[in-house]
PDB file of all heavy atoms in Angstrom:
ATOM      1  N   MET A   1       2.594  17.956 -51.348  1.00  0.00           N
ATOM      2  CA  MET A   1       2.903  16.534 -51.256  1.00  0.00           C
ATOM      3  C   MET A   1       2.733  16.053 -49.820  1.00  0.00           C
ATOM      4  O   MET A   1       2.215  14.961 -49.573  1.00  0.00           O
ATOM      5  CB  MET A   1       4.324  16.264 -51.755  1.00  0.00           C
ATOM      6  CG  MET A   1       4.519  16.548 -53.229  1.00  0.00           C
ATOM      7  SD  MET A   1       6.217  16.284 -53.798  1.00  0.00           S
ATOM      8  CE  MET A   1       6.288  14.504 -53.810  1.00  0.00           C
ATOM      9  N   LEU A   2       3.169  16.880 -48.871  1.00  0.00           N
ATOM     10  CA  LEU A   2       3.019  16.545 -47.460  1.00  0.00           C
ATOM     11  C   LEU A   2       1.543  16.425 -47.088  1.00  0.00           C
ATOM     12  O   LEU A   2       1.132  15.473 -46.414  1.00  0.00           O
ATOM     13  CB  LEU A   2       3.691  17.618 -46.607  1.00  0.00           C
ATOM     14  CG  LEU A   2       3.511  17.493 -45.098  1.00  0.00           C
ATOM     15  CD1 LEU A   2       4.220  16.257 -44.566  1.00  0.00           C
ATOM     16  CD2 LEU A   2       4.030  18.756 -44.392  1.00  0.00           C
ATOM     17  N   GLU A   3       0.740  17.382 -47.525  1.00  0.00           N
ATOM     18  CA  GLU A   3      -0.694  17.363 -47.247  1.00  0.00           C
ATOM     19  C   GLU A   3      -1.337  16.104 -47.814  1.00  0.00           C
ATOM     20  O   GLU A   3      -2.152  15.448 -47.147  1.00  0.00           O
ATOM     21  CB  GLU A   3      -1.328  18.610 -47.849  1.00  0.00           C
ATOM     22  CG  GLU A   3      -2.810  18.744 -47.622  1.00  0.00           C
ATOM     23  CD  GLU A   3      -3.361  20.011 -48.255  1.00  0.00           C
ATOM     24  OE1 GLU A   3      -2.923  21.099 -47.866  1.00  0.00           O
ATOM     25  OE2 GLU A   3      -4.231  19.895 -49.157  1.00  0.00           O
ATOM     26  N   ALA A   4      -0.970  15.756 -49.045  1.00  0.00           N
ATOM     27  CA  ALA A   4      -1.536  14.571 -49.681  1.00  0.00           C
ATOM     28  C   ALA A   4      -1.105  13.295 -48.963  1.00  0.00           C
ATOM     29  O   ALA A   4      -1.910  12.371 -48.775  1.00  0.00           O
ATOM     30  CB  ALA A   4      -1.110  14.520 -51.148  1.00  0.00           C
ATOM     31  N   LEU A   5       0.148  13.227 -48.556  1.00  0.00           N
ATOM     32  CA  LEU A   5       0.654  12.045 -47.842  1.00  0.00           C
ATOM     33  C   LEU A   5      -0.097  11.841 -46.538  1.00  0.00           C
ATOM     34  O   LEU A   5      -0.498  10.719 -46.205  1.00  0.00           O
ATOM     35  CB  LEU A   5       2.151  12.225 -47.584  1.00  0.00           C
ATOM     36  CG  LEU A   5       2.877  11.033 -46.953  1.00  0.00           C
ATOM     37  CD1 LEU A   5       2.965   9.871 -47.933  1.00  0.00           C
ATOM     38  CD2 LEU A   5       4.270  11.447 -46.490  1.00  0.00           C
ATOM     39  N   ASN A   6      -0.304  12.924 -45.809  1.00  0.00           N
ATOM     40  CA  ASN A   6      -1.015  12.830 -44.532  1.00  0.00           C
ATOM     41  C   ASN A   6      -2.474  12.439 -44.731  1.00  0.00           C
ATOM     42  O   ASN A   6      -3.032  11.642 -43.959  1.00  0.00           O
ATOM     43  CB  ASN A   6      -0.920  14.160 -43.785  1.00  0.00           C
ATOM     44  CG  ASN A   6       0.461  14.385 -43.178  1.00  0.00           C
ATOM     45  OD1 ASN A   6       1.217  13.448 -42.961  1.00  0.00           O
ATOM     46  ND2 ASN A   6       0.797  15.636 -42.917  1.00  0.00           N
ATOM     47  N   GLU A   7      -3.114  12.993 -45.754  1.00  0.00           N
ATOM     48  CA  GLU A   7      -4.502  12.651 -46.055  1.00  0.00           C
ATOM     49  C   GLU A   7      -4.640  11.177 -46.435  1.00  0.00           C
ATOM     50  O   GLU A   7      -5.520  10.469 -45.947  1.00  0.00           O
ATOM     51  CB  GLU A   7      -5.018  13.505 -47.211  1.00  0.00           C
ATOM     52  CG  GLU A   7      -5.274  14.956 -46.879  1.00  0.00           C
ATOM     53  CD  GLU A   7      -5.673  15.743 -48.111  1.00  0.00           C
ATOM     54  OE1 GLU A   7      -5.655  15.172 -49.226  1.00  0.00           O
ATOM     55  OE2 GLU A   7      -6.001  16.936 -47.972  1.00  0.00           O
ATOM     56  N   LEU A   8      -3.768  10.726 -47.299  1.00  0.00           N
ATOM     57  CA  LEU A   8      -3.877   9.374 -47.843  1.00  0.00           C
ATOM     58  C   LEU A   8      -3.638   8.303 -46.786  1.00  0.00           C
ATOM     59  O   LEU A   8      -4.375   7.305 -46.720  1.00  0.00           O
ATOM     60  CB  LEU A   8      -2.891   9.199 -49.000  1.00  0.00           C
ATOM     61  CG  LEU A   8      -2.830   7.823 -49.665  1.00  0.00           C
ATOM     62  CD1 LEU A   8      -4.187   7.451 -50.273  1.00  0.00           C
ATOM     63  CD2 LEU A   8      -1.741   7.794 -50.740  1.00  0.00           C
ATOM     64  N   PHE A   9      -2.632   8.505 -45.948  1.00  0.00           N
ATOM     65  CA  PHE A   9      -2.236   7.458 -45.013  1.00  0.00           C
ATOM     66  C   PHE A   9      -2.619   7.751 -43.563  1.00  0.00           C
ATOM     67  O   PHE A   9      -2.328   6.947 -42.672  1.00  0.00           O
ATOM     68  CB  PHE A   9      -0.730   7.207 -45.118  1.00  0.00           C
ATOM     69  CG  PHE A   9      -0.307   6.634 -46.443  1.00  0.00           C
ATOM     70  CD1 PHE A   9       0.388   7.407 -47.359  1.00  0.00           C
ATOM     71  CD2 PHE A   9      -0.633   5.332 -46.789  1.00  0.00           C
ATOM     72  CE1 PHE A   9       0.776   6.887 -48.582  1.00  0.00           C
ATOM     73  CE2 PHE A   9      -0.258   4.797 -48.012  1.00  0.00           C
ATOM     74  CZ  PHE A   9       0.445   5.582 -48.915  1.00  0.00           C
ATOM     75  N   GLY A  10      -3.260   8.888 -43.320  1.00  0.00           N
ATOM     76  CA  GLY A  10      -3.714   9.199 -41.973  1.00  0.00           C
ATOM     77  C   GLY A  10      -2.601   9.385 -40.980  1.00  0.00           C
ATOM     78  O   GLY A  10      -2.679   8.910 -39.828  1.00  0.00           O
ATOM     79  N   ILE A  11      -1.543  10.076 -41.395  1.00  0.00           N
ATOM     80  CA  ILE A  11      -0.415  10.322 -40.503  1.00  0.00           C
ATOM     81  C   ILE A  11      -0.264  11.828 -40.288  1.00  0.00           C
ATOM     82  O   ILE A  11      -1.030  12.623 -40.843  1.00  0.00           O
ATOM     83  CB  ILE A  11       0.898   9.721 -41.059  1.00  0.00           C
ATOM     84  CG1 ILE A  11       1.252  10.352 -42.408  1.00  0.00           C
ATOM     85  CG2 ILE A  11       0.766   8.207 -41.183  1.00  0.00           C
ATOM     86  CD1 ILE A  11       2.578   9.885 -42.974  1.00  0.00           C
ATOM     87  N   LYS A  12       0.740  12.216 -39.510  1.00  0.00           N
ATOM     88  CA  LYS A  12       0.992  13.627 -39.242  1.00  0.00           C
ATOM     89  C   LYS A  12       2.457  13.945 -39.502  1.00  0.00           C
ATOM     90  O   LYS A  12       3.167  14.483 -38.654  1.00  0.00           O
ATOM     91  CB  LYS A  12       0.603  13.975 -37.807  1.00  0.00           C
ATOM     92  CG  LYS A  12      -0.896  13.860 -37.533  1.00  0.00           C
ATOM     93  CD  LYS A  12      -1.236  14.268 -36.109  1.00  0.00           C
ATOM     94  CE  LYS A  12      -2.740  14.166 -35.853  1.00  0.00           C
ATOM     95  NZ  LYS A  12      -3.097  14.565 -34.466  1.00  0.00           N
ATOM     96  N   ALA A  13       2.891  13.615 -40.706  1.00  0.00           N
ATOM     97  CA  ALA A  13       4.263  13.929 -41.107  1.00  0.00           C
ATOM     98  C   ALA A  13       4.448  15.438 -41.188  1.00  0.00           C
ATOM     99  O   ALA A  13       3.489  16.190 -41.361  1.00  0.00           O
ATOM    100  CB  ALA A  13       4.576  13.279 -42.451  1.00  0.00           C
ATOM    101  N   VAL A  14       5.685  15.877 -41.045  1.00  0.00           N
ATOM    102  CA  VAL A  14       6.024  17.296 -41.133  1.00  0.00           C
ATOM    103  C   VAL A  14       7.014  17.494 -42.273  1.00  0.00           C
ATOM    104  O   VAL A  14       7.600  16.532 -42.786  1.00  0.00           O
ATOM    105  CB  VAL A  14       6.615  17.807 -39.805  1.00  0.00           C
ATOM    106  CG1 VAL A  14       5.569  17.730 -38.697  1.00  0.00           C
ATOM    107  CG2 VAL A  14       7.855  17.003 -39.411  1.00  0.00           C
ATOM    108  N   ILE A  15       7.198  18.752 -42.666  1.00  0.00           N
ATOM    109  CA  ILE A  15       7.977  19.037 -43.861  1.00  0.00           C
ATOM    110  C   ILE A  15       9.413  18.534 -43.747  1.00  0.00           C
ATOM    111  O   ILE A  15      10.030  18.126 -44.738  1.00  0.00           O
ATOM    112  CB  ILE A  15       7.949  20.546 -44.192  1.00  0.00           C
ATOM    113  CG1 ILE A  15       8.296  20.791 -45.663  1.00  0.00           C
ATOM    114  CG2 ILE A  15       8.833  21.328 -43.254  1.00  0.00           C
ATOM    115  CD1 ILE A  15       7.264  20.308 -46.639  1.00  0.00           C
ATOM    116  N   SER A  16       9.956  18.523 -42.536  1.00  0.00           N
ATOM    117  CA  SER A  16      11.335  18.047 -42.370  1.00  0.00           C
ATOM    118  C   SER A  16      11.469  16.557 -42.677  1.00  0.00           C
ATOM    119  O   SER A  16      12.583  16.080 -42.934  1.00  0.00           O
ATOM    120  CB  SER A  16      11.833  18.343 -40.953  1.00  0.00           C
ATOM    121  OG  SER A  16      11.022  17.717 -39.983  1.00  0.00           O
ATOM    122  N   ASP A  17      10.374  15.815 -42.679  1.00  0.00           N
ATOM    123  CA  ASP A  17      10.428  14.400 -43.047  1.00  0.00           C
ATOM    124  C   ASP A  17      10.819  14.211 -44.512  1.00  0.00           C
ATOM    125  O   ASP A  17      11.248  13.119 -44.903  1.00  0.00           O
ATOM    126  CB  ASP A  17       9.075  13.729 -42.802  1.00  0.00           C
ATOM    127  CG  ASP A  17       8.770  13.549 -41.329  1.00  0.00           C
ATOM    128  OD1 ASP A  17       9.694  13.200 -40.575  1.00  0.00           O
ATOM    129  OD2 ASP A  17       7.609  13.763 -40.930  1.00  0.00           O
ATOM    130  N   PHE A  18      10.657  15.253 -45.312  1.00  0.00           N
ATOM    131  CA  PHE A  18      10.995  15.177 -46.734  1.00  0.00           C
ATOM    132  C   PHE A  18      12.452  15.515 -47.015  1.00  0.00           C
ATOM    133  O   PHE A  18      12.898  15.377 -48.153  1.00  0.00           O
ATOM    134  CB  PHE A  18      10.116  16.135 -47.546  1.00  0.00           C
ATOM    135  CG  PHE A  18       8.734  15.618 -47.824  1.00  0.00           C
ATOM    136  CD1 PHE A  18       7.713  16.501 -48.167  1.00  0.00           C
ATOM    137  CD2 PHE A  18       8.438  14.272 -47.772  1.00  0.00           C
ATOM    138  CE1 PHE A  18       6.427  16.045 -48.436  1.00  0.00           C
ATOM    139  CE2 PHE A  18       7.161  13.802 -48.030  1.00  0.00           C
ATOM    140  CZ  PHE A  18       6.163  14.690 -48.373  1.00  0.00           C
ATOM    141  N   TYR A  19      13.193  15.965 -45.996  1.00  0.00           N
ATOM    142  CA  TYR A  19      14.556  16.410 -46.238  1.00  0.00           C
ATOM    143  C   TYR A  19      15.402  15.274 -46.809  1.00  0.00           C
ATOM    144  O   TYR A  19      15.402  14.149 -46.314  1.00  0.00           O
ATOM    145  CB  TYR A  19      15.186  16.942 -44.953  1.00  0.00           C
ATOM    146  CG  TYR A  19      14.610  18.262 -44.476  1.00  0.00           C
ATOM    147  CD1 TYR A  19      14.975  18.802 -43.252  1.00  0.00           C
ATOM    148  CD2 TYR A  19      13.678  18.969 -45.243  1.00  0.00           C
ATOM    149  CE1 TYR A  19      14.436  20.010 -42.799  1.00  0.00           C
ATOM    150  CE2 TYR A  19      13.141  20.169 -44.811  1.00  0.00           C
ATOM    151  CZ  TYR A  19      13.511  20.678 -43.592  1.00  0.00           C
ATOM    152  OH  TYR A  19      12.977  21.867 -43.148  1.00  0.00           O
ATOM    153  N   ASN A  20      16.099  15.592 -47.869  1.00  0.00           N
ATOM    154  CA  ASN A  20      16.982  14.672 -48.599  1.00  0.00           C
ATOM    155  C   ASN A  20      16.219  13.538 -49.276  1.00  0.00           C
ATOM    156  O   ASN A  20      16.780  12.476 -49.569  1.00  0.00           O
ATOM    157  CB  ASN A  20      18.091  14.112 -47.707  1.00  0.00           C
ATOM    158  CG  ASN A  20      19.426  14.091 -48.430  1.00  0.00           C
ATOM    159  OD1 ASN A  20      19.494  14.231 -49.653  1.00  0.00           O
ATOM    160  ND2 ASN A  20      20.494  13.902 -47.680  1.00  0.00           N
ATOM    161  N   ASN A  21      14.937  13.779 -49.539  1.00  0.00           N
ATOM    162  CA  ASN A  21      14.130  12.890 -50.383  1.00  0.00           C
ATOM    163  C   ASN A  21      14.148  11.418 -49.971  1.00  0.00           C
ATOM    164  O   ASN A  21      14.551  10.551 -50.742  1.00  0.00           O
ATOM    165  CB  ASN A  21      14.581  13.005 -51.851  1.00  0.00           C
ATOM    166  CG  ASN A  21      14.237  14.348 -52.463  1.00  0.00           C
ATOM    167  OD1 ASN A  21      13.966  15.300 -51.749  1.00  0.00           O
ATOM    168  ND2 ASN A  21      14.252  14.432 -53.773  1.00  0.00           N
ATOM    169  N   PRO A  22      13.694  11.105 -48.765  1.00  0.00           N
ATOM    170  CA  PRO A  22      13.599   9.687 -48.381  1.00  0.00           C
ATOM    171  C   PRO A  22      12.464   9.010 -49.130  1.00  0.00           C
ATOM    172  O   PRO A  22      11.583   9.684 -49.694  1.00  0.00           O
ATOM    173  CB  PRO A  22      13.287   9.761 -46.882  1.00  0.00           C
ATOM    174  CG  PRO A  22      12.517  11.034 -46.743  1.00  0.00           C
ATOM    175  CD  PRO A  22      13.152  11.998 -47.722  1.00  0.00           C
ATOM    176  N   THR A  23      12.448   7.699 -49.156  1.00  0.00           N
ATOM    177  CA  THR A  23      11.319   6.995 -49.758  1.00  0.00           C
ATOM    178  C   THR A  23      10.090   7.164 -48.877  1.00  0.00           C
ATOM    179  O   THR A  23      10.188   7.448 -47.677  1.00  0.00           O
ATOM    180  CB  THR A  23      11.616   5.495 -49.916  1.00  0.00           C
ATOM    181  OG1 THR A  23      11.759   4.909 -48.608  1.00  0.00           O
ATOM    182  CG2 THR A  23      12.894   5.266 -50.717  1.00  0.00           C
ATOM    183  N   LEU A  24       8.917   6.971 -49.476  1.00  0.00           N
ATOM    184  CA  LEU A  24       7.684   7.067 -48.698  1.00  0.00           C
ATOM    185  C   LEU A  24       7.654   6.025 -47.587  1.00  0.00           C
ATOM    186  O   LEU A  24       7.123   6.272 -46.498  1.00  0.00           O
ATOM    187  CB  LEU A  24       6.480   6.886 -49.618  1.00  0.00           C
ATOM    188  CG  LEU A  24       6.275   7.968 -50.674  1.00  0.00           C
ATOM    189  CD1 LEU A  24       5.026   7.663 -51.499  1.00  0.00           C
ATOM    190  CD2 LEU A  24       6.169   9.352 -50.059  1.00  0.00           C
ATOM    191  N   SER A  25       8.214   4.868 -47.854  1.00  0.00           N
ATOM    192  CA  SER A  25       8.234   3.812 -46.834  1.00  0.00           C
ATOM    193  C   SER A  25       9.005   4.246 -45.591  1.00  0.00           C
ATOM    194  O   SER A  25       8.619   3.918 -44.461  1.00  0.00           O
ATOM    195  CB  SER A  25       8.849   2.534 -47.406  1.00  0.00           C
ATOM    196  OG  SER A  25       8.071   2.021 -48.460  1.00  0.00           O
ATOM    197  N   VAL A  26      10.086   4.974 -45.790  1.00  0.00           N
ATOM    198  CA  VAL A  26      10.887   5.461 -44.661  1.00  0.00           C
ATOM    199  C   VAL A  26      10.058   6.419 -43.817  1.00  0.00           C
ATOM    200  O   VAL A  26      10.087   6.365 -42.571  1.00  0.00           O
ATOM    201  CB  VAL A  26      12.176   6.140 -45.171  1.00  0.00           C
ATOM    202  CG1 VAL A  26      12.865   6.903 -44.037  1.00  0.00           C
ATOM    203  CG2 VAL A  26      13.119   5.112 -45.758  1.00  0.00           C
ATOM    204  N   ILE A  27       9.298   7.305 -44.472  1.00  0.00           N
ATOM    205  CA  ILE A  27       8.454   8.249 -43.730  1.00  0.00           C
ATOM    206  C   ILE A  27       7.343   7.508 -42.996  1.00  0.00           C
ATOM    207  O   ILE A  27       7.087   7.759 -41.807  1.00  0.00           O
ATOM    208  CB  ILE A  27       7.857   9.296 -44.691  1.00  0.00           C
ATOM    209  CG1 ILE A  27       8.974  10.133 -45.322  1.00  0.00           C
ATOM    210  CG2 ILE A  27       6.877  10.208 -43.943  1.00  0.00           C
ATOM    211  CD1 ILE A  27       8.498  11.122 -46.357  1.00  0.00           C
ATOM    212  N   LEU A  28       6.674   6.598 -43.669  1.00  0.00           N
ATOM    213  CA  LEU A  28       5.582   5.862 -43.037  1.00  0.00           C
ATOM    214  C   LEU A  28       6.070   5.021 -41.863  1.00  0.00           C
ATOM    215  O   LEU A  28       5.347   4.832 -40.879  1.00  0.00           O
ATOM    216  CB  LEU A  28       4.887   4.970 -44.063  1.00  0.00           C
ATOM    217  CG  LEU A  28       4.004   5.674 -45.100  1.00  0.00           C
ATOM    218  CD1 LEU A  28       3.352   4.654 -46.020  1.00  0.00           C
ATOM    219  CD2 LEU A  28       2.941   6.526 -44.433  1.00  0.00           C
ATOM    220  N   GLU A  29       7.278   4.516 -41.959  1.00  0.00           N
ATOM    221  CA  GLU A  29       7.843   3.701 -40.879  1.00  0.00           C
ATOM    222  C   GLU A  29       7.903   4.488 -39.569  1.00  0.00           C
ATOM    223  O   GLU A  29       7.768   3.912 -38.484  1.00  0.00           O
ATOM    224  CB  GLU A  29       9.244   3.231 -41.279  1.00  0.00           C
ATOM    225  CG  GLU A  29       9.915   2.293 -40.285  1.00  0.00           C
ATOM    226  CD  GLU A  29       9.272   0.910 -40.253  1.00  0.00           C
ATOM    227  OE1 GLU A  29       8.808   0.435 -41.301  1.00  0.00           O
ATOM    228  OE2 GLU A  29       9.248   0.318 -39.150  1.00  0.00           O
ATOM    229  N   ARG A  30       8.048   5.807 -39.661  1.00  0.00           N
ATOM    230  CA  ARG A  30       8.138   6.638 -38.467  1.00  0.00           C
ATOM    231  C   ARG A  30       6.779   6.822 -37.804  1.00  0.00           C
ATOM    232  O   ARG A  30       6.708   7.046 -36.587  1.00  0.00           O
ATOM    233  CB  ARG A  30       8.699   8.015 -38.826  1.00  0.00           C
ATOM    234  CG  ARG A  30      10.097   8.010 -39.395  1.00  0.00           C
ATOM    235  CD  ARG A  30      10.458   9.376 -39.950  1.00  0.00           C
ATOM    236  NE  ARG A  30      11.748   9.336 -40.649  1.00  0.00           N
ATOM    237  CZ  ARG A  30      12.151  10.262 -41.503  1.00  0.00           C
ATOM    238  NH1 ARG A  30      11.395  11.314 -41.744  1.00  0.00           N
ATOM    239  NH2 ARG A  30      13.318  10.161 -42.099  1.00  0.00           N
ATOM    240  N   TYR A  31       5.703   6.764 -38.584  1.00  0.00           N
ATOM    241  CA  TYR A  31       4.380   7.123 -38.076  1.00  0.00           C
ATOM    242  C   TYR A  31       3.416   5.941 -38.010  1.00  0.00           C
ATOM    243  O   TYR A  31       2.644   5.831 -37.062  1.00  0.00           O
ATOM    244  CB  TYR A  31       3.773   8.231 -38.943  1.00  0.00           C
ATOM    245  CG  TYR A  31       4.547   9.518 -38.881  1.00  0.00           C
ATOM    246  CD1 TYR A  31       5.520   9.817 -39.826  1.00  0.00           C
ATOM    247  CD2 TYR A  31       4.324  10.434 -37.861  1.00  0.00           C
ATOM    248  CE1 TYR A  31       6.245  11.000 -39.763  1.00  0.00           C
ATOM    249  CE2 TYR A  31       5.035  11.626 -37.787  1.00  0.00           C
ATOM    250  CZ  TYR A  31       5.998  11.896 -38.740  1.00  0.00           C
ATOM    251  OH  TYR A  31       6.715  13.070 -38.677  1.00  0.00           O
ATOM    252  N   LYS A  32       3.442   5.096 -39.026  1.00  0.00           N
ATOM    253  CA  LYS A  32       2.570   3.923 -39.055  1.00  0.00           C
ATOM    254  C   LYS A  32       3.348   2.725 -39.593  1.00  0.00           C
ATOM    255  O   LYS A  32       3.157   2.297 -40.728  1.00  0.00           O
ATOM    256  CB  LYS A  32       1.336   4.187 -39.935  1.00  0.00           C
ATOM    257  CG  LYS A  32       0.224   4.955 -39.244  1.00  0.00           C
ATOM    258  CD  LYS A  32      -1.069   4.886 -40.055  1.00  0.00           C
ATOM    259  CE  LYS A  32      -2.220   5.538 -39.310  1.00  0.00           C
ATOM    260  NZ  LYS A  32      -3.486   5.467 -40.106  1.00  0.00           N
ATOM    261  N   PRO A  33       4.234   2.170 -38.775  1.00  0.00           N
ATOM    262  CA  PRO A  33       5.065   1.057 -39.257  1.00  0.00           C
ATOM    263  C   PRO A  33       4.243  -0.145 -39.697  1.00  0.00           C
ATOM    264  O   PRO A  33       4.704  -0.940 -40.520  1.00  0.00           O
ATOM    265  CB  PRO A  33       5.954   0.737 -38.047  1.00  0.00           C
ATOM    266  CG  PRO A  33       5.274   1.355 -36.874  1.00  0.00           C
ATOM    267  CD  PRO A  33       4.555   2.550 -37.392  1.00  0.00           C
ATOM    268  N   GLU A  34       3.006  -0.263 -39.172  1.00  0.00           N
ATOM    269  CA  GLU A  34       2.173  -1.403 -39.574  1.00  0.00           C
ATOM    270  C   GLU A  34       1.821  -1.358 -41.064  1.00  0.00           C
ATOM    271  O   GLU A  34       1.606  -2.400 -41.685  1.00  0.00           O
ATOM    272  CB  GLU A  34       0.898  -1.462 -38.731  1.00  0.00           C
ATOM    273  CG  GLU A  34      -0.058  -0.283 -38.901  1.00  0.00           C
ATOM    274  CD  GLU A  34       0.243   0.873 -37.964  1.00  0.00           C
ATOM    275  OE1 GLU A  34       1.368   0.919 -37.414  1.00  0.00           O
ATOM    276  OE2 GLU A  34      -0.648   1.725 -37.793  1.00  0.00           O
ATOM    277  N   LEU A  35       1.782  -0.156 -41.638  1.00  0.00           N
ATOM    278  CA  LEU A  35       1.494  -0.047 -43.073  1.00  0.00           C
ATOM    279  C   LEU A  35       2.622  -0.642 -43.908  1.00  0.00           C
ATOM    280  O   LEU A  35       2.379  -1.185 -44.987  1.00  0.00           O
ATOM    281  CB  LEU A  35       1.278   1.419 -43.463  1.00  0.00           C
ATOM    282  CG  LEU A  35      -0.045   2.056 -43.045  1.00  0.00           C
ATOM    283  CD1 LEU A  35      -0.080   3.523 -43.448  1.00  0.00           C
ATOM    284  CD2 LEU A  35      -1.216   1.317 -43.681  1.00  0.00           C
ATOM    285  N   CYS A  36       3.835  -0.537 -43.403  1.00  0.00           N
ATOM    286  CA  CYS A  36       4.978  -1.082 -44.134  1.00  0.00           C
ATOM    287  C   CYS A  36       5.007  -2.601 -44.080  1.00  0.00           C
ATOM    288  O   CYS A  36       5.686  -3.243 -44.892  1.00  0.00           O
ATOM    289  CB  CYS A  36       6.278  -0.497 -43.585  1.00  0.00           C
ATOM    290  SG  CYS A  36       6.396   1.298 -43.788  1.00  0.00           S
ATOM    291  N   LEU A  37       4.293  -3.166 -43.115  1.00  0.00           N
ATOM    292  CA  LEU A  37       4.147  -4.622 -43.065  1.00  0.00           C
ATOM    293  C   LEU A  37       2.997  -5.085 -43.948  1.00  0.00           C
ATOM    294  O   LEU A  37       3.041  -6.166 -44.541  1.00  0.00           O
ATOM    295  CB  LEU A  37       3.905  -5.066 -41.618  1.00  0.00           C
ATOM    296  CG  LEU A  37       5.019  -4.773 -40.621  1.00  0.00           C
ATOM    297  CD1 LEU A  37       4.578  -5.169 -39.214  1.00  0.00           C
ATOM    298  CD2 LEU A  37       6.293  -5.500 -41.008  1.00  0.00           C
ATOM    299  N   GLU A  38       1.979  -4.226 -44.042  1.00  0.00           N
ATOM    300  CA  GLU A  38       0.791  -4.579 -44.832  1.00  0.00           C
ATOM    301  C   GLU A  38       1.010  -4.385 -46.328  1.00  0.00           C
ATOM    302  O   GLU A  38       0.518  -5.161 -47.149  1.00  0.00           O
ATOM    303  CB  GLU A  38      -0.392  -3.731 -44.377  1.00  0.00           C
ATOM    304  CG  GLU A  38      -1.704  -4.056 -45.086  1.00  0.00           C
ATOM    305  CD  GLU A  38      -2.857  -3.214 -44.568  1.00  0.00           C
ATOM    306  OE1 GLU A  38      -2.665  -2.453 -43.591  1.00  0.00           O
ATOM    307  OE2 GLU A  38      -3.953  -3.314 -45.148  1.00  0.00           O
ATOM    308  N   PHE A  39       1.761  -3.339 -46.680  1.00  0.00           N
ATOM    309  CA  PHE A  39       1.972  -3.002 -48.084  1.00  0.00           C
ATOM    310  C   PHE A  39       3.466  -2.970 -48.403  1.00  0.00           C
ATOM    311  O   PHE A  39       4.278  -2.543 -47.583  1.00  0.00           O
ATOM    312  CB  PHE A  39       1.368  -1.637 -48.427  1.00  0.00           C
ATOM    313  CG  PHE A  39      -0.111  -1.539 -48.182  1.00  0.00           C
ATOM    314  CD1 PHE A  39      -0.588  -0.867 -47.062  1.00  0.00           C
ATOM    315  CD2 PHE A  39      -1.015  -2.123 -49.054  1.00  0.00           C
ATOM    316  CE1 PHE A  39      -1.952  -0.762 -46.831  1.00  0.00           C
ATOM    317  CE2 PHE A  39      -2.375  -2.033 -48.826  1.00  0.00           C
ATOM    318  CZ  PHE A  39      -2.853  -1.362 -47.714  1.00  0.00           C
ATOM    319  N   SER A  40       3.819  -3.384 -49.620  1.00  0.00           N
ATOM    320  CA  SER A  40       5.205  -3.295 -50.059  1.00  0.00           C
ATOM    321  C   SER A  40       5.546  -1.848 -50.396  1.00  0.00           C
ATOM    322  O   SER A  40       4.663  -0.992 -50.537  1.00  0.00           O
ATOM    323  CB  SER A  40       5.418  -4.161 -51.310  1.00  0.00           C
ATOM    324  OG  SER A  40       4.735  -3.601 -52.426  1.00  0.00           O
ATOM    325  N   HIS A  41       6.833  -1.569 -50.534  1.00  0.00           N
ATOM    326  CA  HIS A  41       7.270  -0.226 -50.925  1.00  0.00           C
ATOM    327  C   HIS A  41       6.625   0.191 -52.242  1.00  0.00           C
ATOM    328  O   HIS A  41       6.161   1.330 -52.389  1.00  0.00           O
ATOM    329  CB  HIS A  41       8.791  -0.185 -51.048  1.00  0.00           C
ATOM    330  CG  HIS A  41       9.308   1.055 -51.702  1.00  0.00           C
ATOM    331  ND1 HIS A  41       9.290   2.285 -51.090  1.00  0.00           N
ATOM    332  CD2 HIS A  41       9.828   1.258 -52.945  1.00  0.00           C
ATOM    333  CE1 HIS A  41       9.788   3.197 -51.916  1.00  0.00           C
ATOM    334  NE2 HIS A  41      10.126   2.596 -53.029  1.00  0.00           N
ATOM    335  N   ASP A  42       6.559  -0.726 -53.195  1.00  0.00           N
ATOM    336  CA  ASP A  42       5.981  -0.395 -54.497  1.00  0.00           C
ATOM    337  C   ASP A  42       4.484  -0.122 -54.386  1.00  0.00           C
ATOM    338  O   ASP A  42       3.953   0.758 -55.077  1.00  0.00           O
ATOM    339  CB  ASP A  42       6.230  -1.535 -55.496  1.00  0.00           C
ATOM    340  CG  ASP A  42       7.687  -1.610 -55.933  1.00  0.00           C
ATOM    341  OD1 ASP A  42       8.248  -0.567 -56.297  1.00  0.00           O
ATOM    342  OD2 ASP A  42       8.265  -2.707 -55.896  1.00  0.00           O
ATOM    343  N   GLU A  43       3.793  -0.868 -53.541  1.00  0.00           N
ATOM    344  CA  GLU A  43       2.355  -0.637 -53.354  1.00  0.00           C
ATOM    345  C   GLU A  43       2.097   0.729 -52.713  1.00  0.00           C
ATOM    346  O   GLU A  43       1.169   1.443 -53.095  1.00  0.00           O
ATOM    347  CB  GLU A  43       1.757  -1.752 -52.507  1.00  0.00           C
ATOM    348  CG  GLU A  43       1.668  -3.094 -53.236  1.00  0.00           C
ATOM    349  CD  GLU A  43       1.293  -4.238 -52.309  1.00  0.00           C
ATOM    350  OE1 GLU A  43       1.614  -4.163 -51.093  1.00  0.00           O
ATOM    351  OE2 GLU A  43       0.685  -5.206 -52.797  1.00  0.00           O
ATOM    352  N   ILE A  44       2.926   1.083 -51.753  1.00  0.00           N
ATOM    353  CA  ILE A  44       2.792   2.398 -51.115  1.00  0.00           C
ATOM    354  C   ILE A  44       3.039   3.507 -52.125  1.00  0.00           C
ATOM    355  O   ILE A  44       2.284   4.481 -52.211  1.00  0.00           O
ATOM    356  CB  ILE A  44       3.769   2.506 -49.927  1.00  0.00           C
ATOM    357  CG1 ILE A  44       3.315   1.593 -48.787  1.00  0.00           C
ATOM    358  CG2 ILE A  44       3.905   3.949 -49.450  1.00  0.00           C
ATOM    359  CD1 ILE A  44       4.337   1.436 -47.682  1.00  0.00           C
ATOM    360  N   SER A  45       4.082   3.350 -52.919  1.00  0.00           N
ATOM    361  CA  SER A  45       4.414   4.356 -53.929  1.00  0.00           C
ATOM    362  C   SER A  45       3.322   4.461 -54.986  1.00  0.00           C
ATOM    363  O   SER A  45       2.983   5.568 -55.430  1.00  0.00           O
ATOM    364  CB  SER A  45       5.748   4.014 -54.597  1.00  0.00           C
ATOM    365  OG  SER A  45       6.799   4.020 -53.656  1.00  0.00           O
TER     366      SER A  45
END
């Protein structure tokens, strides 16, 4: 899932970003916050 997330959105998330199952938007906010402005949480999901 981590590999796919990084491929799809061009980020460099690490496995600890998945701890306690955050939403994808929360992870993207750390690496590419502009995507969270461009796309809604549902669109990202």
